[in-house]
Protein backbone atom coordinates (compact mmCIF):
# COMPACT_ATOMS: atom_id res chain seq x y z
CA UNK A 1 33.00 2.51 -3.59
CA UNK A 2 36.61 1.36 -3.88
CA UNK A 3 36.90 1.55 -0.09
CA UNK A 4 33.85 -0.75 0.29
CA UNK A 5 35.24 -3.26 -2.22
CA UNK A 6 38.13 -3.82 0.21
CA UNK A 7 35.76 -4.02 3.16
CA UNK A 8 33.68 -6.70 1.51
CA UNK A 9 36.65 -8.66 0.35
CA UNK A 10 38.13 -8.52 3.86
CA UNK A 11 34.86 -9.89 5.22
CA UNK A 12 34.82 -12.70 2.69
CA UNK A 13 38.48 -13.61 3.37
CA UNK A 14 38.00 -13.79 7.12
CA UNK A 15 34.71 -15.81 7.12
CA UNK A 16 34.85 -19.56 7.99
CA UNK A 17 31.59 -20.16 6.07
CA UNK A 18 30.07 -22.07 8.95
CA UNK A 19 26.74 -21.24 10.53
CA UNK A 20 27.12 -18.69 13.38
CA UNK A 21 26.99 -20.59 16.66
CA UNK A 22 26.14 -18.82 19.90
CA UNK A 23 26.59 -20.48 23.34
CA UNK A 24 24.97 -17.97 25.69
CA UNK A 25 21.92 -15.60 25.70
CA UNK A 26 24.41 -12.72 25.57
CA UNK A 27 26.03 -13.99 22.37
CA UNK A 28 22.52 -14.58 20.94
CA UNK A 29 21.55 -10.97 21.63
CA UNK A 30 24.82 -9.64 20.18
CA UNK A 31 23.99 -11.23 16.81
CA UNK A 32 20.38 -9.88 16.89
CA UNK A 33 21.83 -6.49 17.60
CA UNK A 34 23.78 -6.54 14.37
CA UNK A 35 21.12 -7.96 12.07
CA UNK A 36 17.26 -8.08 12.27
CA UNK A 37 16.41 -11.77 12.31
CA UNK A 38 13.38 -13.71 13.61
CA UNK A 39 12.99 -17.46 13.71
CA UNK A 40 10.83 -19.08 16.43
CA UNK A 41 12.53 -22.45 15.83
CA UNK A 42 15.88 -21.04 16.86
CA UNK A 43 14.38 -19.24 19.84
CA UNK A 44 12.84 -22.37 21.19
CA UNK A 45 15.97 -24.67 21.09
CA UNK A 46 18.47 -24.71 23.96
CA UNK A 47 21.98 -23.38 23.77
CA UNK A 48 24.27 -23.76 21.90
CA UNK A 49 22.19 -22.51 19.01
CA UNK A 50 23.19 -21.93 15.31
CA UNK A 51 21.85 -19.32 12.98
CA UNK A 52 21.57 -20.48 9.40
CA UNK A 53 23.95 -17.90 7.99
CA UNK A 54 27.66 -17.42 8.51
CA UNK A 55 29.35 -14.32 9.98
CA UNK A 56 29.54 -12.55 6.63
CA UNK A 57 25.76 -11.82 6.59
CA UNK A 58 25.59 -9.49 9.64
CA UNK A 59 28.97 -7.97 8.78
CA UNK A 60 27.94 -7.14 5.16
CA UNK A 61 24.62 -5.76 6.52
CA UNK A 62 26.52 -3.52 8.95
CA UNK A 63 28.85 -2.34 6.22
CA UNK A 64 26.00 -1.38 3.90
CA UNK A 65 24.42 0.60 6.78
CA UNK A 66 27.75 2.28 7.31
CA UNK A 67 27.92 3.25 3.71
CA UNK A 68 24.36 4.67 3.83
CA UNK A 69 25.31 6.77 6.88
CA UNK A 70 28.42 7.99 5.09
CA UNK A 71 26.31 9.03 2.06
CA UNK A 72 23.95 10.92 4.26
CA UNK A 73 26.79 12.73 5.97
CA UNK A 74 28.27 13.58 2.59
CA UNK A 75 24.96 15.11 1.45
CA UNK A 76 24.38 17.25 4.55
CA UNK A 77 26.24 20.35 3.18
CA UNK A 78 24.78 20.20 -0.31
CA UNK A 79 21.72 22.19 0.55
CA UNK A 80 19.44 19.36 -0.53
CA UNK A 81 15.89 18.74 0.74
CA UNK A 82 15.36 15.51 2.82
CA UNK A 83 13.55 14.02 -0.17
CA UNK A 84 16.55 14.77 -2.48
CA UNK A 85 18.99 13.45 0.07
CA UNK A 86 16.88 10.27 0.36
CA UNK A 87 16.86 9.90 -3.41
CA UNK A 88 20.57 10.46 -3.69
CA UNK A 89 21.37 8.02 -0.98
CA UNK A 90 19.10 5.34 -2.46
CA UNK A 91 20.75 5.65 -5.86
CA UNK A 92 24.25 5.52 -4.34
CA UNK A 93 23.29 2.46 -2.24
CA UNK A 94 21.83 0.74 -5.37
CA UNK A 95 25.21 1.23 -7.07
CA UNK A 96 26.97 -0.27 -4.03
CA UNK A 97 24.67 -3.31 -4.16
CA UNK A 98 24.36 -3.89 -7.95
CA UNK A 99 28.06 -3.22 -8.80
CA UNK A 100 30.31 -3.34 -5.85
CA UNK A 101 28.83 -6.04 -3.58
CA UNK A 102 27.54 -8.03 -6.61
CA UNK A 103 31.00 -7.97 -8.15
CA UNK A 104 32.71 -9.03 -4.90
CA UNK A 105 30.14 -11.91 -4.40
CA UNK A 106 30.49 -13.04 -8.00
CA UNK A 107 34.36 -13.26 -7.65
CA UNK A 108 33.89 -15.09 -4.33
CA UNK A 109 31.84 -17.89 -5.64
CA UNK A 110 34.35 -18.50 -8.54
CA UNK A 111 37.23 -19.05 -6.17
CA UNK A 112 38.92 -22.36 -6.85
CA UNK A 113 39.73 -22.96 -3.21
CA UNK A 114 36.11 -22.95 -2.05
CA UNK A 115 34.87 -26.26 -0.92
CA UNK A 116 31.46 -27.58 -1.89
CA UNK A 117 30.11 -27.11 1.68
CA UNK A 118 31.44 -23.53 1.78
CA UNK A 119 29.71 -22.80 -1.47
CA UNK A 120 26.45 -24.16 -0.13
CA UNK A 121 26.84 -21.86 2.92
CA UNK A 122 27.40 -18.81 0.56
CA UNK A 123 24.24 -19.74 -1.31
CA UNK A 124 22.31 -19.91 1.97
CA UNK A 125 23.81 -16.59 2.93
CA UNK A 126 22.39 -14.88 -0.19
CA UNK A 127 18.82 -15.65 0.94
CA UNK A 128 19.49 -13.91 4.26
CA UNK A 129 21.23 -10.95 2.64
CA UNK A 130 18.18 -10.59 0.31
CA UNK A 131 15.95 -10.42 3.40
CA UNK A 132 17.88 -7.45 4.77
CA UNK A 133 16.84 -5.35 1.81
CA UNK A 134 13.52 -4.28 3.42
CA UNK A 135 15.33 -3.25 6.53
CA UNK A 136 17.86 -1.22 4.55
CA UNK A 137 14.99 0.53 2.80
CA UNK A 138 13.51 1.59 6.16
CA UNK A 139 16.97 2.53 7.52
CA UNK A 140 17.40 5.07 4.69
CA UNK A 141 14.02 6.54 5.43
CA UNK A 142 14.67 6.74 9.14
CA UNK A 143 18.05 8.37 8.73
CA UNK A 144 16.98 10.86 5.97
CA UNK A 145 13.72 11.74 7.86
CA UNK A 146 11.45 10.79 4.96
CA UNK A 147 8.35 8.65 4.91
CA UNK A 148 9.09 4.99 3.86
CA UNK A 149 7.32 4.17 0.65
CA UNK A 150 7.58 0.57 -0.57
CA UNK A 151 6.94 1.88 -4.13
CA UNK A 152 9.76 4.42 -3.94
CA UNK A 153 11.05 5.37 -7.39
CA UNK A 154 14.60 4.52 -6.44
CA UNK A 155 13.82 1.35 -4.49
CA UNK A 156 16.83 -0.74 -3.58
CA UNK A 157 17.56 -3.50 -6.01
CA UNK A 158 19.26 -5.83 -3.55
CA UNK A 159 16.64 -8.50 -4.11
CA UNK A 160 17.38 -8.90 -7.81
CA UNK A 161 21.22 -8.93 -7.42
CA UNK A 162 21.07 -11.63 -4.79
CA UNK A 163 18.91 -13.75 -6.96
CA UNK A 164 21.37 -13.40 -9.81
CA UNK A 165 24.30 -14.26 -7.53
CA UNK A 166 22.42 -17.21 -6.16
CA UNK A 167 21.80 -18.52 -9.58
CA UNK A 168 25.62 -18.41 -10.22
CA UNK A 169 26.26 -20.09 -6.90
CA UNK A 170 23.83 -22.88 -7.57
CA UNK A 171 25.42 -23.58 -10.95
CA UNK A 172 28.79 -23.72 -9.15
CA UNK A 173 27.30 -26.18 -6.53
CA UNK A 174 26.02 -28.40 -9.33
CA UNK A 175 29.34 -28.39 -11.08
CA UNK A 176 31.42 -28.93 -7.84
CA UNK A 177 29.12 -31.78 -6.69
CA UNK A 178 29.46 -33.60 -10.06
CA UNK A 179 33.25 -32.91 -10.06
CA UNK A 180 33.47 -34.39 -6.55
CA UNK A 181 31.47 -37.51 -7.62
CA UNK A 182 33.85 -37.87 -10.49
CA UNK A 183 36.84 -37.88 -8.16
CA UNK A 184 35.41 -40.82 -6.24
CA UNK A 185 34.56 -42.64 -9.45
CA UNK A 186 38.12 -42.27 -10.67
CA UNK A 187 39.10 -44.36 -7.61
CA UNK A 188 36.85 -47.24 -8.76
CA UNK A 189 39.69 -49.06 -10.54
CA UNK A 190 37.66 -52.24 -11.12
CA UNK A 191 39.47 -55.44 -11.99
CA UNK A 192 37.54 -56.13 -15.19
CA UNK A 193 38.66 -59.72 -15.30
CA UNK A 194 37.78 -60.64 -11.72
CA UNK A 195 36.44 -64.20 -11.43
CA UNK A 196 33.90 -63.45 -8.74
CA UNK A 197 32.65 -60.45 -6.62
CA UNK A 198 34.39 -59.67 -3.38
CA UNK A 199 31.14 -60.05 -1.48
CA UNK A 200 30.87 -56.44 -0.22
CA UNK A 201 30.36 -53.13 -1.93
CA UNK A 202 33.47 -51.34 -3.19
CA UNK A 203 35.29 -49.07 -0.84
CA UNK A 204 35.14 -46.08 -3.26
CA UNK A 205 31.37 -46.38 -3.44
CA UNK A 206 30.89 -46.55 0.31
CA UNK A 207 33.10 -43.44 0.70
CA UNK A 208 31.07 -41.64 -2.02
CA UNK A 209 27.75 -42.54 -0.32
CA UNK A 210 29.07 -41.24 3.07
CA UNK A 211 30.19 -38.01 1.40
CA UNK A 212 26.78 -37.49 -0.34
CA UNK A 213 24.99 -38.19 2.92
CA UNK A 214 27.02 -35.47 4.71
CA UNK A 215 26.53 -33.04 1.89
CA UNK A 216 22.78 -33.35 1.79
CA UNK A 217 22.59 -32.83 5.55
CA UNK A 218 23.97 -29.31 4.80
CA UNK A 219 21.05 -28.70 2.38
CA UNK A 220 18.47 -28.43 5.23
CA UNK A 221 18.78 -24.59 5.15
CA UNK A 222 18.27 -24.39 1.42
CA UNK A 223 14.94 -24.07 -0.27
CA UNK A 224 13.49 -27.56 -0.65
CA UNK A 225 13.12 -27.45 -4.48
CA UNK A 226 16.79 -26.58 -4.88
CA UNK A 227 17.87 -29.36 -2.48
CA UNK A 228 15.66 -31.98 -4.28
CA UNK A 229 16.80 -30.83 -7.71
CA UNK A 230 20.48 -31.15 -6.69
CA UNK A 231 20.01 -34.51 -5.06
CA UNK A 232 18.25 -35.83 -8.15
CA UNK A 233 21.07 -34.51 -10.37
CA UNK A 234 23.65 -36.17 -8.20
CA UNK A 235 21.96 -39.58 -8.37
CA UNK A 236 21.51 -39.20 -12.20
CA UNK A 237 25.15 -38.32 -12.59
CA UNK A 238 26.34 -41.25 -10.46
CA UNK A 239 24.11 -43.75 -12.38
CA UNK A 240 25.15 -42.28 -15.78
CA UNK A 241 28.87 -42.49 -14.80
CA UNK A 242 28.65 -46.16 -13.83
CA UNK A 243 26.84 -46.96 -17.05
CA UNK A 244 29.48 -45.12 -19.01
CA UNK A 245 32.19 -47.26 -17.39
CA UNK A 246 30.41 -50.41 -18.55
CA UNK A 247 29.90 -49.11 -22.07
CA UNK A 248 33.39 -47.58 -22.30
CA UNK A 249 34.89 -48.71 -25.65
CA UNK A 250 38.34 -48.63 -24.20
CA UNK A 251 37.38 -51.47 -21.84
CA UNK A 252 37.37 -54.47 -24.25
CA UNK A 253 36.64 -57.30 -21.88
CA UNK A 254 34.33 -57.55 -18.87
CA UNK A 255 33.88 -60.64 -16.65
CA UNK A 256 30.70 -61.86 -14.99
CA UNK A 257 32.52 -61.41 -11.74
CA UNK A 258 32.98 -57.72 -12.12
CA UNK A 259 29.31 -57.38 -13.14
CA UNK A 260 28.37 -59.04 -9.94
CA UNK A 261 30.66 -56.57 -8.10
CA UNK A 262 29.10 -53.65 -9.80
CA UNK A 263 25.68 -55.04 -8.98
CA UNK A 264 26.60 -54.97 -5.30
CA UNK A 265 27.63 -51.39 -5.67
CA UNK A 266 24.41 -50.43 -7.35
CA UNK A 267 22.55 -52.03 -4.51
CA UNK A 268 24.22 -49.59 -2.20
CA UNK A 269 23.25 -46.75 -4.55
CA UNK A 270 19.65 -47.85 -4.39
CA UNK A 271 19.75 -48.12 -0.60
CA UNK A 272 21.00 -44.52 -0.47
CA UNK A 273 18.27 -43.40 -2.86
CA UNK A 274 15.58 -45.13 -0.77
CA UNK A 275 16.88 -43.53 2.48
CA UNK A 276 15.29 -40.16 1.65
CA UNK A 277 18.53 -38.11 1.70
CA UNK A 278 16.34 -35.09 0.90
CA UNK A 279 12.77 -34.99 2.31
CA UNK A 280 9.72 -34.38 0.20
CA UNK A 281 10.80 -36.12 -3.02
CA UNK A 282 8.13 -38.34 -4.62
CA UNK A 283 8.50 -41.90 -3.40
CA UNK A 284 10.74 -43.94 -5.62
CA UNK A 285 11.91 -41.11 -7.88
CA UNK A 286 15.52 -41.32 -6.86
CA UNK A 287 15.48 -45.10 -7.38
CA UNK A 288 14.39 -44.44 -10.97
CA UNK A 289 17.76 -42.84 -11.55
CA UNK A 290 19.35 -46.28 -11.30
CA UNK A 291 16.68 -48.29 -13.12
CA UNK A 292 18.62 -48.51 -16.44
CA UNK A 293 21.59 -49.90 -14.58
CA UNK A 294 19.48 -52.17 -12.41
CA UNK A 295 17.64 -53.84 -15.28
CA UNK A 296 20.85 -54.27 -17.39
CA UNK A 297 22.73 -55.86 -14.41
CA UNK A 298 19.75 -58.04 -13.52
CA UNK A 299 19.61 -59.29 -17.11
CA UNK A 300 23.25 -60.30 -17.20
CA UNK A 301 23.74 -61.55 -13.61
CA UNK A 302 20.54 -63.67 -13.76
CA UNK A 303 21.37 -64.52 -17.45
CA UNK A 304 17.58 -64.13 -18.08
CA UNK A 305 17.64 -63.89 -21.88
CA UNK A 306 14.54 -65.92 -22.45
CA UNK A 307 12.44 -63.43 -20.54
CA UNK A 308 14.08 -60.43 -22.22
CA UNK A 309 13.60 -61.78 -25.75
CA UNK A 310 10.09 -62.99 -25.10
CA UNK A 311 8.85 -59.69 -23.51
CA UNK A 312 10.83 -57.32 -25.73
CA UNK A 313 8.69 -54.43 -26.89
CA UNK A 314 6.10 -55.02 -24.16
CA UNK A 315 5.27 -52.09 -21.72
CA UNK A 316 5.18 -54.66 -18.91
CA UNK A 317 8.58 -56.14 -19.71
CA UNK A 318 10.89 -56.74 -16.76
CA UNK A 319 13.77 -55.29 -18.83
CA UNK A 320 11.91 -52.44 -20.50
CA UNK A 321 14.81 -50.04 -20.05
CA UNK A 322 17.50 -52.34 -21.52
CA UNK A 323 18.24 -51.30 -25.10
CA UNK A 324 19.45 -54.15 -27.43
CA UNK A 325 22.38 -51.96 -28.41
CA UNK A 326 23.52 -51.75 -24.77
CA UNK A 327 23.05 -55.45 -24.32
CA UNK A 328 25.15 -56.19 -27.43
CA UNK A 329 28.02 -53.97 -26.25
CA UNK A 330 28.18 -55.71 -22.90
CA UNK A 331 27.75 -59.15 -24.41
CA UNK A 332 30.71 -58.38 -26.74
CA UNK A 333 32.81 -57.54 -23.64
CA UNK A 334 31.71 -60.62 -21.88
CA UNK A 335 32.51 -62.83 -24.88
CA UNK A 336 35.99 -61.24 -25.07
CA UNK A 337 36.63 -61.93 -21.33
CA UNK A 338 35.58 -65.63 -21.70
CA UNK A 339 37.65 -66.35 -24.82
CA UNK A 340 40.57 -67.36 -22.59
CA UNK A 341 38.39 -69.48 -20.43
CA UNK A 342 37.17 -71.39 -23.49
CA UNK A 343 40.69 -72.01 -24.72
CA UNK A 344 41.96 -72.90 -21.20
CA UNK A 345 39.20 -75.48 -20.66
CA UNK A 346 39.67 -77.05 -24.14
CA UNK A 347 36.16 -76.05 -25.00
CA UNK A 348 34.44 -78.75 -22.90
CA UNK A 349 30.74 -79.42 -23.45
CA UNK A 350 29.52 -76.98 -20.86
CA UNK A 351 31.51 -74.22 -22.42
CA UNK A 352 30.55 -75.16 -25.96
CA UNK A 353 26.93 -75.08 -24.88
CA UNK A 354 27.30 -71.72 -23.37
CA UNK A 355 29.11 -70.40 -26.47
CA UNK A 356 26.23 -71.52 -28.56
CA UNK A 357 23.74 -69.81 -26.27
CA UNK A 358 25.72 -66.60 -26.33
CA UNK A 359 25.94 -66.71 -30.14
CA UNK A 360 22.18 -67.37 -30.43
CA UNK A 361 21.38 -64.44 -28.03
CA UNK A 362 23.79 -62.24 -29.89
CA UNK A 363 22.06 -62.93 -33.21
CA UNK A 364 18.69 -62.29 -31.76
CA UNK A 365 19.85 -58.94 -30.26
CA UNK A 366 21.30 -57.99 -33.64
CA UNK A 367 17.94 -58.78 -35.24
CA UNK A 368 16.20 -56.60 -32.75
CA UNK A 369 18.49 -53.55 -33.50
CA UNK A 370 17.95 -54.11 -37.25
CA UNK A 371 14.19 -54.30 -36.67
CA UNK A 372 14.29 -51.02 -34.71
CA UNK A 373 16.19 -49.31 -37.41
CA UNK A 374 13.95 -50.53 -40.23
CA UNK A 375 10.86 -49.49 -38.34
CA UNK A 376 12.04 -45.92 -38.28
CA UNK A 377 9.80 -43.81 -40.64
CA UNK A 378 11.92 -42.77 -43.71
CA UNK A 379 9.37 -40.75 -45.59
CA UNK A 380 8.24 -38.54 -42.76
């Protein structure tokens, strides 16, 4: 077992975690000689072709077969019947899979130096390693001279361990993707006092969209449900992070200009969401991730308070997802940013009128929040 720990680790260390590419029919057959794999879609495309798995899959499969062969040879002089040898080999192979290989894979996916794309490839690899289980079952029967029984009492447990490892890998993918999004968001560095938007989306946001686009192209070899769930989670995290920036209590003042800039950035997020980065999602569901932001920004950029206040509480309200509390927080920041302008312009009539309007809206929003609180059942 200790010997195979080193073998597995050597395989993982030497893998580049890119799909195996073959350029000639000879190379193609060489891969198929090492691992049983059938896919008509790959057969039909011209060279160069890519298998969905990286080199670790056929190499691990070969090492497990080599272990099985070693176990059989070890058992030959023990005066055991073929059935007893078969049973012994299966139990030993189960230990190899559930402890040795499982432990090595678990350590692999927790490596800090793994990139997100490498982690995605490892996750894909586990599906193909799981598919080799049935072939290993038959290999044991062939080599021990026993009849293959799919209900064998010591059936290999490779399927379950790969599911467990995959669950770990998918959690790591989720965490790494959010962490990578956070890295881009840290570059946002908005000028919260800017007088007007720059006219184009922010560089950090465009770079993030390009990154997400490239990542989700790698998801084509993952099960569709996982790809969809991860894409949805990424959009939700991005929208939530931008909203948190706007609501951050450490940012005391926010200008209308920066709201217009963030509005441009959210437009890019919406275009990405509408581009179907992952196929099969319900139409508009990714756009919904940004609806809270969209409605809040529309309200402030269009300064459409009359509509908001008139329709508040209606299911058909244009600003249904804008909470009065959020509007108050942003209005406070806007008021703080405009204090200097009021002083600088000696409070001319236009500014005085605007200040009165802001004060009126502010009072009405406060009344809405108090109304919501008082309507909460207290005796339930």
